[in-house]
Amino acid sequence: MGGLVTAVTELADGQLVMMLDVERVLSETSKYDDEFLFRDIPTVPGGSEHVVYFADDSSVARRQITQTLEAMNVRHVGAVNGRQAWEELKRAAAHADACGRPVSDFISLVLTDVEMPEMDGYMLTRQIKADRRFAGIPVIMHSSLSGMSNTQLGLSVGVDEYVPKFEPQRLAQTLLRLLSGAGPAREKDN
């Protein structure tokens, strides 16, 4: 099947079920829809003054995040897992300390996947939220695990928003709101 099947498993009743590589399927189908997917992405006023750090082990998701941020005119730093993102964030914090400036002058927002090797998004969020240097910097969890229990777990570790993957318009609207200073949606609901 052209590499689209990643595994085959047998169910209790003896039926064989093929496991598809969903990200590969999305990659193959979305490359024809890129113009449509990113057509109405809003730009952020003063977008080039913002820097978003993001972590995702999926090359498909990283490409879509990058395209979204570029359409919004927002600078970005990407990482392939939580550990690499944490190292980049600590480096930016050390630079801010050396300049005598707040970290928020160098990092506007952090976007993280949930499931990643070396350090997952939950641990990355805990690290960020526990370090006072990152106080006030919003964290968005961006995951294909979009059920209510996953959202609640993300909120329990301190994420400010939870946005499903592969919805660039929804991601862009959330980024626009947070980068424009409107705050997380749940604050507005209270």
Protein backbone atom coordinates (compact mmCIF):
# COMPACT_ATOMS: atom_id res chain seq x y z
CA MET A 1 0.00 0.00 0.00
CA GLY A 2 2.85 2.36 -0.75
CA GLY A 3 4.09 2.54 2.84
CA LEU A 4 0.76 3.78 4.21
CA VAL A 5 0.31 0.72 6.44
CA THR A 6 2.51 0.81 9.54
CA ALA A 7 1.29 -2.40 11.21
CA VAL A 8 -1.25 -5.18 11.11
CA THR A 9 -2.97 -6.46 14.23
CA GLU A 10 -5.32 -9.34 14.88
CA LEU A 11 -8.55 -8.69 16.77
CA ALA A 12 -10.01 -11.15 19.28
CA ASP A 13 -12.41 -12.49 16.63
CA GLY A 14 -9.51 -13.28 14.26
CA GLN A 15 -10.02 -10.34 11.90
CA LEU A 16 -6.87 -8.62 10.68
CA VAL A 17 -6.80 -4.83 10.88
CA MET A 18 -4.31 -2.63 9.05
CA MET A 19 -2.95 0.39 10.95
CA LEU A 20 -2.50 3.37 8.64
CA ASP A 21 0.16 6.04 8.98
CA VAL A 22 -2.31 8.90 9.48
CA GLU A 23 0.34 11.60 9.23
CA ARG A 24 1.57 10.19 5.93
CA VAL A 25 -2.00 10.10 4.60
CA LEU A 26 -2.48 13.71 5.69
CA SER A 27 0.84 14.68 4.17
CA GLU A 28 -0.03 13.08 0.84
CA THR A 29 -3.49 14.64 0.70
CA SER A 30 -2.71 18.05 2.16
CA LYS A 31 0.11 18.93 -0.22
CA TYR A 32 -2.57 19.54 -2.82
CA ASP A 33 -4.61 21.68 -0.43
CA ASP A 34 -1.87 23.94 0.98
CA GLU A 35 -3.11 26.97 -0.91
CA PHE A 36 -6.63 26.37 0.43
CA LEU A 37 -5.50 25.54 4.00
CA PHE A 38 -3.41 28.68 4.44
CA ARG A 39 -5.35 31.10 2.24
CA ASP A 40 -7.24 32.98 4.96
CA ILE A 41 -4.66 32.80 7.76
CA PRO A 42 -4.67 36.21 9.49
CA THR A 43 -1.48 38.15 10.02
CA VAL A 44 -0.62 39.27 13.53
CA PRO A 45 -0.25 43.02 14.00
CA GLY A 46 3.46 43.47 14.72
CA GLY A 47 3.86 39.77 13.98
CA SER A 48 7.56 39.98 13.17
CA GLU A 49 8.16 41.21 16.74
CA HIS A 50 6.87 37.89 18.08
CA VAL A 51 8.81 34.63 18.36
CA VAL A 52 6.99 31.33 18.83
CA TYR A 53 8.94 28.30 20.01
CA PHE A 54 7.39 24.99 19.01
CA ALA A 55 8.10 21.30 19.50
CA ASP A 56 6.73 18.41 17.45
CA ASP A 57 8.31 15.13 16.39
CA SER A 58 6.13 14.92 13.26
CA SER A 59 7.68 16.47 10.15
CA VAL A 60 4.17 16.90 8.70
CA ALA A 61 2.99 18.82 11.77
CA ARG A 62 6.19 20.91 11.90
CA ARG A 63 5.70 21.87 8.25
CA GLN A 64 2.09 22.87 8.88
CA ILE A 65 3.02 24.87 12.01
CA THR A 66 5.81 26.61 10.08
CA GLN A 67 3.47 27.46 7.20
CA THR A 68 0.88 28.82 9.63
CA LEU A 69 3.42 30.99 11.45
CA GLU A 70 4.94 32.24 8.21
CA ALA A 71 1.48 33.15 6.86
CA MET A 72 0.92 35.09 10.11
CA ASN A 73 4.30 36.86 9.70
CA VAL A 74 5.53 35.44 13.05
CA ARG A 75 9.12 34.38 13.64
CA HIS A 76 9.63 30.89 15.03
CA VAL A 77 12.09 28.38 16.45
CA GLY A 78 11.26 24.70 15.99
CA ALA A 79 12.36 21.57 17.82
CA VAL A 80 11.82 17.87 17.14
CA ASN A 81 11.03 16.93 20.76
CA GLY A 82 10.41 18.39 24.18
CA ARG A 83 13.99 17.99 25.38
CA GLN A 84 15.38 19.95 22.42
CA ALA A 85 12.70 22.63 22.93
CA TRP A 86 13.55 22.88 26.64
CA GLU A 87 17.24 23.34 25.81
CA GLU A 88 16.36 26.10 23.30
CA LEU A 89 14.07 27.79 25.84
CA LYS A 90 16.75 27.68 28.55
CA ARG A 91 19.26 29.15 26.08
CA ALA A 92 16.87 32.01 25.32
CA ALA A 93 16.28 32.57 29.05
CA ALA A 94 20.04 32.69 29.72
CA HIS A 95 20.43 35.22 26.90
CA ALA A 96 17.62 37.34 28.36
CA ASP A 97 19.26 37.19 31.80
CA ALA A 98 22.63 38.24 30.31
CA CYS A 99 20.92 41.20 28.61
CA GLY A 100 19.03 42.14 31.77
CA ARG A 101 15.71 41.77 29.96
CA PRO A 102 12.64 39.61 30.58
CA VAL A 103 12.40 36.32 28.68
CA SER A 104 9.12 37.55 27.19
CA ASP A 105 11.19 39.97 25.08
CA PHE A 106 12.58 36.90 23.28
CA ILE A 107 9.79 34.31 23.55
CA SER A 108 6.18 35.25 22.89
CA LEU A 109 4.56 31.82 23.12
CA VAL A 110 5.36 28.09 23.25
CA LEU A 111 3.49 25.51 21.17
CA THR A 112 3.99 21.83 22.00
CA ASP A 113 2.85 18.43 20.84
CA VAL A 114 1.92 15.87 23.51
CA GLU A 115 3.57 12.62 22.48
CA MET A 116 7.25 13.09 21.64
CA PRO A 117 10.42 11.12 22.33
CA GLU A 118 12.85 12.15 25.09
CA MET A 119 10.44 14.62 26.73
CA ASP A 120 6.70 14.80 26.08
CA GLY A 121 4.59 17.94 25.99
CA TYR A 122 3.23 17.44 29.51
CA MET A 123 6.74 17.39 31.00
CA LEU A 124 7.83 20.32 28.83
CA THR A 125 4.83 22.34 30.02
CA ARG A 126 5.55 21.46 33.66
CA GLN A 127 9.17 22.60 33.22
CA ILE A 128 8.10 25.90 31.65
CA LYS A 129 5.40 26.63 34.22
CA ALA A 130 7.73 25.76 37.15
CA ASP A 131 10.45 28.16 35.98
CA ARG A 132 9.64 31.74 37.06
CA ARG A 133 11.65 33.15 34.15
CA PHE A 134 8.85 31.99 31.81
CA ALA A 135 6.02 33.51 33.87
CA GLY A 136 3.32 34.95 31.65
CA ILE A 137 4.44 33.17 28.48
CA PRO A 138 1.46 31.20 27.13
CA VAL A 139 1.79 27.51 26.30
CA ILE A 140 -0.47 25.92 23.69
CA MET A 141 -0.74 22.15 23.52
CA HIS A 142 -1.16 21.11 19.88
CA SER A 143 -1.97 17.44 19.53
CA SER A 144 -3.79 14.78 17.56
CA LEU A 145 -4.93 13.50 20.99
CA SER A 146 -7.88 15.85 21.14
CA GLY A 147 -10.29 14.06 23.47
CA MET A 148 -11.64 15.73 26.61
CA SER A 149 -9.41 13.65 28.92
CA ASN A 150 -6.31 14.75 26.98
CA THR A 151 -7.43 18.36 27.10
CA GLN A 152 -8.04 18.11 30.86
CA LEU A 153 -4.62 16.54 31.41
CA GLY A 154 -3.02 19.36 29.42
CA LEU A 155 -4.87 21.97 31.45
CA SER A 156 -3.86 20.20 34.68
CA VAL A 157 -0.15 20.67 33.86
CA GLY A 158 -0.69 24.35 33.07
CA VAL A 159 -1.27 24.75 29.35
CA ASP A 160 -3.16 27.90 28.45
CA GLU A 161 -4.91 26.42 25.40
CA TYR A 162 -5.36 23.01 23.76
CA VAL A 163 -5.71 23.00 19.96
CA PRO A 164 -6.14 19.89 17.78
CA LYS A 165 -3.47 19.22 15.15
CA PHE A 166 -4.04 19.64 11.44
CA GLU A 167 -6.47 22.55 11.82
CA PRO A 168 -4.29 25.50 10.74
CA GLN A 169 -7.20 27.97 10.74
CA ARG A 170 -8.08 27.12 14.35
CA LEU A 171 -4.42 27.23 15.38
CA ALA A 172 -4.03 30.62 13.68
CA GLN A 173 -7.07 32.06 15.46
CA THR A 174 -5.73 30.88 18.84
CA LEU A 175 -2.26 32.25 18.09
CA LEU A 176 -3.72 35.56 16.93
CA ARG A 177 -5.74 35.93 20.13
CA LEU A 178 -2.84 35.06 22.43
CA LEU A 179 -0.19 37.05 20.55
CA SER A 180 -2.52 40.06 20.43
CA GLY A 181 -2.80 39.94 24.22
CA ALA A 182 -6.42 38.81 24.51
CA GLY A 183 -5.49 35.89 26.81
CA PRO A 184 -6.64 32.28 26.92
CA ALA A 185 -10.23 31.45 25.97
CA ARG A 186 -11.04 29.98 29.37
CA GLU A 187 -10.20 33.32 31.05
CA LYS A 188 -12.73 35.05 28.81
CA ASP A 189 -15.37 32.42 29.67
CA ASN A 190 -15.12 33.08 33.44
